[in-house]
Amino acid sequence: MMSHNPISQEDVYRKLERVNRFSEKILKVGMITVAGFGLYIGALCAVSAIGRYQSPTISSEAQLETLIAKERRKISINNNCIIEGKLTNNLEAYSKKNR
């Protein structure tokens, strides 16, 4: 027959302690990972929100002219008014009024 080495109570406590330390390390890594992921998502949301409210970047004069033309069209469509019996947009009305 084979002889079995008895496991002492100290060996059991040592092994349990190692398992406990290992599980604590895994828990810490998990908590740090979750916190890091939360910060990452929060940063993405903040960048997205800031990006929505920034004015468009204009890199050339042609883009500026296009933007001005679009805004004038919006004004003329949305804010038509009659001055001196003539249908004009808001910009023309303002310029005539302040001459």
N, C-alpha and C. Protein backbone atom coordinates (compact mmCIF):
# COMPACT_ATOMS: atom_id res chain seq x y z
N MET A 1 0.82 -1.19 0.00
CA MET A 1 0.00 0.00 0.00
C MET A 1 0.86 1.24 0.00
N MET A 2 0.25 2.26 -0.57
CA MET A 2 0.96 3.54 -0.59
C MET A 2 0.74 4.27 0.71
N SER A 3 1.78 4.98 1.08
CA SER A 3 1.61 5.78 2.29
C SER A 3 1.26 7.20 1.89
N HIS A 4 0.30 7.78 2.56
CA HIS A 4 -0.14 9.14 2.29
C HIS A 4 0.52 10.09 3.27
N ASN A 5 0.99 11.19 2.72
CA ASN A 5 1.55 12.22 3.59
C ASN A 5 0.40 13.05 4.16
N PRO A 6 0.33 13.12 5.43
CA PRO A 6 -0.76 13.93 6.01
C PRO A 6 -0.51 15.41 5.76
N ILE A 7 -1.58 16.15 5.46
CA ILE A 7 -1.47 17.58 5.23
C ILE A 7 -1.72 18.27 6.57
N SER A 8 -0.76 19.07 6.92
CA SER A 8 -0.91 19.76 8.20
C SER A 8 -1.86 20.95 8.05
N GLN A 9 -2.34 21.39 9.16
CA GLN A 9 -3.27 22.53 9.17
C GLN A 9 -2.56 23.80 8.68
N GLU A 10 -1.28 23.92 8.95
CA GLU A 10 -0.50 25.08 8.48
C GLU A 10 -0.45 25.12 6.97
N ASP A 11 -0.26 23.95 6.33
CA ASP A 11 -0.24 23.88 4.87
C ASP A 11 -1.58 24.34 4.28
N VAL A 12 -2.65 23.91 4.89
CA VAL A 12 -3.99 24.29 4.42
C VAL A 12 -4.16 25.80 4.55
N TYR A 13 -3.77 26.37 5.68
CA TYR A 13 -3.90 27.82 5.89
C TYR A 13 -3.02 28.60 4.88
N ARG A 14 -1.80 28.10 4.62
CA ARG A 14 -0.91 28.76 3.66
C ARG A 14 -1.52 28.77 2.26
N LYS A 15 -2.05 27.60 1.86
CA LYS A 15 -2.66 27.52 0.53
C LYS A 15 -3.91 28.41 0.45
N LEU A 16 -4.71 28.43 1.48
CA LEU A 16 -5.89 29.31 1.49
C LEU A 16 -5.48 30.78 1.43
N GLU A 17 -4.41 31.11 2.11
CA GLU A 17 -3.91 32.48 2.10
C GLU A 17 -3.45 32.88 0.70
N ARG A 18 -2.76 31.96 0.00
CA ARG A 18 -2.32 32.24 -1.37
C ARG A 18 -3.52 32.44 -2.30
N VAL A 19 -4.52 31.59 -2.14
CA VAL A 19 -5.73 31.71 -2.96
C VAL A 19 -6.42 33.04 -2.66
N ASN A 20 -6.46 33.42 -1.40
CA ASN A 20 -7.09 34.67 -0.98
C ASN A 20 -6.36 35.88 -1.60
N ARG A 21 -5.02 35.86 -1.53
CA ARG A 21 -4.23 36.97 -2.12
C ARG A 21 -4.46 37.04 -3.62
N PHE A 22 -4.48 35.87 -4.27
CA PHE A 22 -4.70 35.83 -5.71
C PHE A 22 -6.08 36.40 -6.07
N SER A 23 -7.09 36.02 -5.32
CA SER A 23 -8.44 36.51 -5.62
C SER A 23 -8.54 38.02 -5.35
N GLU A 24 -7.81 38.51 -4.35
CA GLU A 24 -7.80 39.96 -4.10
C GLU A 24 -7.16 40.70 -5.28
N LYS A 25 -6.07 40.13 -5.81
CA LYS A 25 -5.42 40.76 -6.96
C LYS A 25 -6.36 40.79 -8.16
N ILE A 26 -7.05 39.68 -8.40
CA ILE A 26 -8.00 39.62 -9.53
C ILE A 26 -9.11 40.65 -9.32
N LEU A 27 -9.59 40.78 -8.12
CA LEU A 27 -10.65 41.74 -7.82
C LEU A 27 -10.17 43.17 -8.06
N LYS A 28 -8.94 43.48 -7.62
CA LYS A 28 -8.39 44.82 -7.84
C LYS A 28 -8.25 45.13 -9.33
N VAL A 29 -7.72 44.16 -10.07
CA VAL A 29 -7.56 44.35 -11.52
C VAL A 29 -8.92 44.56 -12.17
N GLY A 30 -9.90 43.80 -11.75
CA GLY A 30 -11.26 43.95 -12.30
C GLY A 30 -11.84 45.31 -11.99
N MET A 31 -11.66 45.77 -10.76
CA MET A 31 -12.19 47.09 -10.38
C MET A 31 -11.51 48.20 -11.18
N ILE A 32 -10.19 48.10 -11.34
CA ILE A 32 -9.45 49.10 -12.11
C ILE A 32 -9.91 49.09 -13.56
N THR A 33 -10.13 47.90 -14.10
CA THR A 33 -10.59 47.77 -15.49
C THR A 33 -11.96 48.42 -15.67
N VAL A 34 -12.87 48.14 -14.76
CA VAL A 34 -14.22 48.71 -14.86
C VAL A 34 -14.16 50.23 -14.72
N ALA A 35 -13.36 50.73 -13.78
CA ALA A 35 -13.23 52.17 -13.60
C ALA A 35 -12.61 52.82 -14.84
N GLY A 36 -11.59 52.19 -15.38
CA GLY A 36 -10.95 52.71 -16.59
C GLY A 36 -11.90 52.74 -17.76
N PHE A 37 -12.69 51.70 -17.91
CA PHE A 37 -13.67 51.64 -19.00
C PHE A 37 -14.72 52.73 -18.82
N GLY A 38 -15.15 52.95 -17.57
CA GLY A 38 -16.12 54.01 -17.29
C GLY A 38 -15.57 55.39 -17.64
N LEU A 39 -14.32 55.64 -17.28
CA LEU A 39 -13.68 56.91 -17.62
C LEU A 39 -13.57 57.09 -19.13
N TYR A 40 -13.24 56.00 -19.82
CA TYR A 40 -13.11 56.05 -21.27
C TYR A 40 -14.46 56.41 -21.92
N ILE A 41 -15.53 55.76 -21.49
CA ILE A 41 -16.87 56.05 -22.04
C ILE A 41 -17.26 57.49 -21.71
N GLY A 42 -16.98 57.94 -20.49
CA GLY A 42 -17.29 59.32 -20.11
C GLY A 42 -16.54 60.33 -20.96
N ALA A 43 -15.27 60.04 -21.24
CA ALA A 43 -14.48 60.94 -22.08
C ALA A 43 -15.03 60.98 -23.50
N LEU A 44 -15.42 59.84 -24.02
CA LEU A 44 -16.01 59.81 -25.37
C LEU A 44 -17.29 60.63 -25.42
N CYS A 45 -18.13 60.51 -24.40
CA CYS A 45 -19.37 61.28 -24.37
C CYS A 45 -19.07 62.78 -24.30
N ALA A 46 -18.10 63.15 -23.50
CA ALA A 46 -17.75 64.57 -23.37
C ALA A 46 -17.22 65.12 -24.68
N VAL A 47 -16.35 64.38 -25.35
CA VAL A 47 -15.79 64.84 -26.63
C VAL A 47 -16.89 64.96 -27.66
N SER A 48 -17.81 64.01 -27.65
CA SER A 48 -18.92 64.04 -28.60
C SER A 48 -19.81 65.26 -28.36
N ALA A 49 -20.10 65.53 -27.09
CA ALA A 49 -20.94 66.67 -26.75
C ALA A 49 -20.27 67.99 -27.11
N ILE A 50 -18.97 68.09 -26.86
CA ILE A 50 -18.25 69.32 -27.19
C ILE A 50 -18.21 69.51 -28.70
N GLY A 51 -18.00 68.43 -29.43
CA GLY A 51 -17.94 68.50 -30.88
C GLY A 51 -19.23 68.97 -31.52
N ARG A 52 -20.35 68.67 -30.89
CA ARG A 52 -21.64 69.09 -31.45
C ARG A 52 -21.84 70.58 -31.39
N TYR A 53 -21.30 71.22 -30.38
CA TYR A 53 -21.57 72.63 -30.16
C TYR A 53 -20.47 73.55 -30.68
N GLN A 54 -19.46 72.99 -31.33
CA GLN A 54 -18.42 73.83 -31.90
C GLN A 54 -18.86 74.34 -33.26
N SER A 55 -18.43 75.54 -33.58
CA SER A 55 -18.75 76.07 -34.90
C SER A 55 -17.92 75.34 -35.95
N PRO A 56 -18.41 75.28 -37.18
CA PRO A 56 -17.66 74.55 -38.20
C PRO A 56 -16.32 75.22 -38.50
N THR A 57 -15.33 74.43 -38.79
CA THR A 57 -14.00 74.96 -39.11
C THR A 57 -14.00 75.36 -40.58
N ILE A 58 -13.60 76.58 -40.84
CA ILE A 58 -13.57 77.09 -42.21
C ILE A 58 -12.10 77.19 -42.61
N SER A 59 -11.72 76.41 -43.63
CA SER A 59 -10.31 76.37 -44.00
C SER A 59 -10.00 77.15 -45.28
N SER A 60 -11.04 77.58 -46.00
CA SER A 60 -10.76 78.33 -47.22
C SER A 60 -11.81 79.41 -47.42
N GLU A 61 -11.49 80.35 -48.27
CA GLU A 61 -12.42 81.45 -48.57
C GLU A 61 -13.66 80.93 -49.30
N ALA A 62 -13.48 79.90 -50.12
CA ALA A 62 -14.60 79.31 -50.85
C ALA A 62 -15.61 78.71 -49.87
N GLN A 63 -15.11 78.04 -48.84
CA GLN A 63 -16.01 77.47 -47.83
C GLN A 63 -16.76 78.58 -47.11
N LEU A 64 -16.08 79.68 -46.83
CA LEU A 64 -16.71 80.81 -46.16
C LEU A 64 -17.82 81.39 -47.04
N GLU A 65 -17.54 81.56 -48.32
CA GLU A 65 -18.55 82.09 -49.25
C GLU A 65 -19.75 81.16 -49.33
N THR A 66 -19.50 79.86 -49.37
CA THR A 66 -20.59 78.88 -49.42
C THR A 66 -21.45 78.97 -48.16
N LEU A 67 -20.80 79.09 -47.01
CA LEU A 67 -21.52 79.19 -45.75
C LEU A 67 -22.37 80.46 -45.71
N ILE A 68 -21.81 81.58 -46.18
CA ILE A 68 -22.55 82.84 -46.20
C ILE A 68 -23.76 82.73 -47.13
N ALA A 69 -23.56 82.11 -48.30
CA ALA A 69 -24.66 81.95 -49.25
C ALA A 69 -25.78 81.10 -48.66
N LYS A 70 -25.42 80.03 -47.96
CA LYS A 70 -26.43 79.18 -47.32
C LYS A 70 -27.22 79.97 -46.29
N GLU A 71 -26.52 80.75 -45.47
CA GLU A 71 -27.19 81.54 -44.44
C GLU A 71 -28.11 82.60 -45.07
N ARG A 72 -27.68 83.22 -46.15
CA ARG A 72 -28.52 84.21 -46.83
C ARG A 72 -29.78 83.56 -47.38
N ARG A 73 -29.63 82.36 -47.95
CA ARG A 73 -30.81 81.65 -48.46
C ARG A 73 -31.78 81.35 -47.33
N LYS A 74 -31.25 80.92 -46.17
CA LYS A 74 -32.12 80.65 -45.02
C LYS A 74 -32.88 81.91 -44.62
N ILE A 75 -32.15 83.02 -44.57
CA ILE A 75 -32.78 84.28 -44.16
C ILE A 75 -33.86 84.68 -45.16
N SER A 76 -33.55 84.58 -46.44
CA SER A 76 -34.51 85.03 -47.43
C SER A 76 -35.74 84.14 -47.47
N ILE A 77 -35.57 82.86 -47.19
CA ILE A 77 -36.72 81.95 -47.19
C ILE A 77 -37.56 82.15 -45.93
N ASN A 78 -36.90 82.27 -44.79
CA ASN A 78 -37.62 82.29 -43.51
C ASN A 78 -38.09 83.66 -43.07
N ASN A 79 -37.42 84.72 -43.49
CA ASN A 79 -37.73 86.04 -42.93
C ASN A 79 -38.08 87.06 -44.01
N ASN A 80 -38.95 86.70 -44.92
CA ASN A 80 -39.34 87.67 -45.94
C ASN A 80 -40.14 88.80 -45.30
N CYS A 81 -39.91 90.00 -45.80
CA CYS A 81 -40.67 91.13 -45.28
C CYS A 81 -40.92 92.13 -46.42
N ILE A 82 -41.91 92.98 -46.25
CA ILE A 82 -42.26 93.96 -47.28
C ILE A 82 -41.84 95.34 -46.80
N ILE A 83 -41.02 96.01 -47.62
CA ILE A 83 -40.60 97.38 -47.32
C ILE A 83 -40.84 98.20 -48.58
N GLU A 84 -41.53 99.30 -48.44
CA GLU A 84 -41.85 100.20 -49.56
C GLU A 84 -42.53 99.46 -50.70
N GLY A 85 -43.45 98.55 -50.39
CA GLY A 85 -44.21 97.83 -51.39
C GLY A 85 -43.39 96.80 -52.16
N LYS A 86 -42.19 96.49 -51.71
CA LYS A 86 -41.30 95.59 -52.42
C LYS A 86 -40.96 94.40 -51.51
N LEU A 87 -41.02 93.20 -52.05
CA LEU A 87 -40.70 92.00 -51.27
C LEU A 87 -39.18 91.81 -51.28
N THR A 88 -38.57 91.88 -50.10
CA THR A 88 -37.12 91.72 -50.00
C THR A 88 -36.79 90.86 -48.81
N ASN A 89 -35.57 90.38 -48.77
CA ASN A 89 -35.19 89.61 -47.60
C ASN A 89 -34.65 90.55 -46.51
N ASN A 90 -34.40 90.01 -45.38
CA ASN A 90 -34.02 90.79 -44.22
C ASN A 90 -32.74 91.60 -44.44
N LEU A 91 -31.76 91.02 -45.12
CA LEU A 91 -30.49 91.73 -45.34
C LEU A 91 -30.69 92.97 -46.20
N GLU A 92 -31.48 92.84 -47.28
CA GLU A 92 -31.75 93.99 -48.13
C GLU A 92 -32.53 95.05 -47.38
N ALA A 93 -33.50 94.63 -46.59
CA ALA A 93 -34.29 95.57 -45.81
C ALA A 93 -33.41 96.35 -44.84
N TYR A 94 -32.51 95.65 -44.19
CA TYR A 94 -31.63 96.30 -43.23
C TYR A 94 -30.71 97.30 -43.93
N SER A 95 -30.18 96.89 -45.08
CA SER A 95 -29.26 97.80 -45.78
C SER A 95 -29.99 99.04 -46.30
N LYS A 96 -31.24 98.89 -46.78
CA LYS A 96 -32.00 100.05 -47.25
C LYS A 96 -32.37 100.97 -46.09
N LYS A 97 -32.70 100.37 -44.99
CA LYS A 97 -33.14 101.14 -43.82
C LYS A 97 -32.01 101.99 -43.25
N ASN A 98 -30.78 101.49 -43.31
CA ASN A 98 -29.65 102.15 -42.67
C ASN A 98 -28.77 102.94 -43.64
N ARG A 99 -29.29 103.28 -44.80
CA ARG A 99 -28.49 104.08 -45.74
C ARG A 99 -28.51 105.53 -45.37
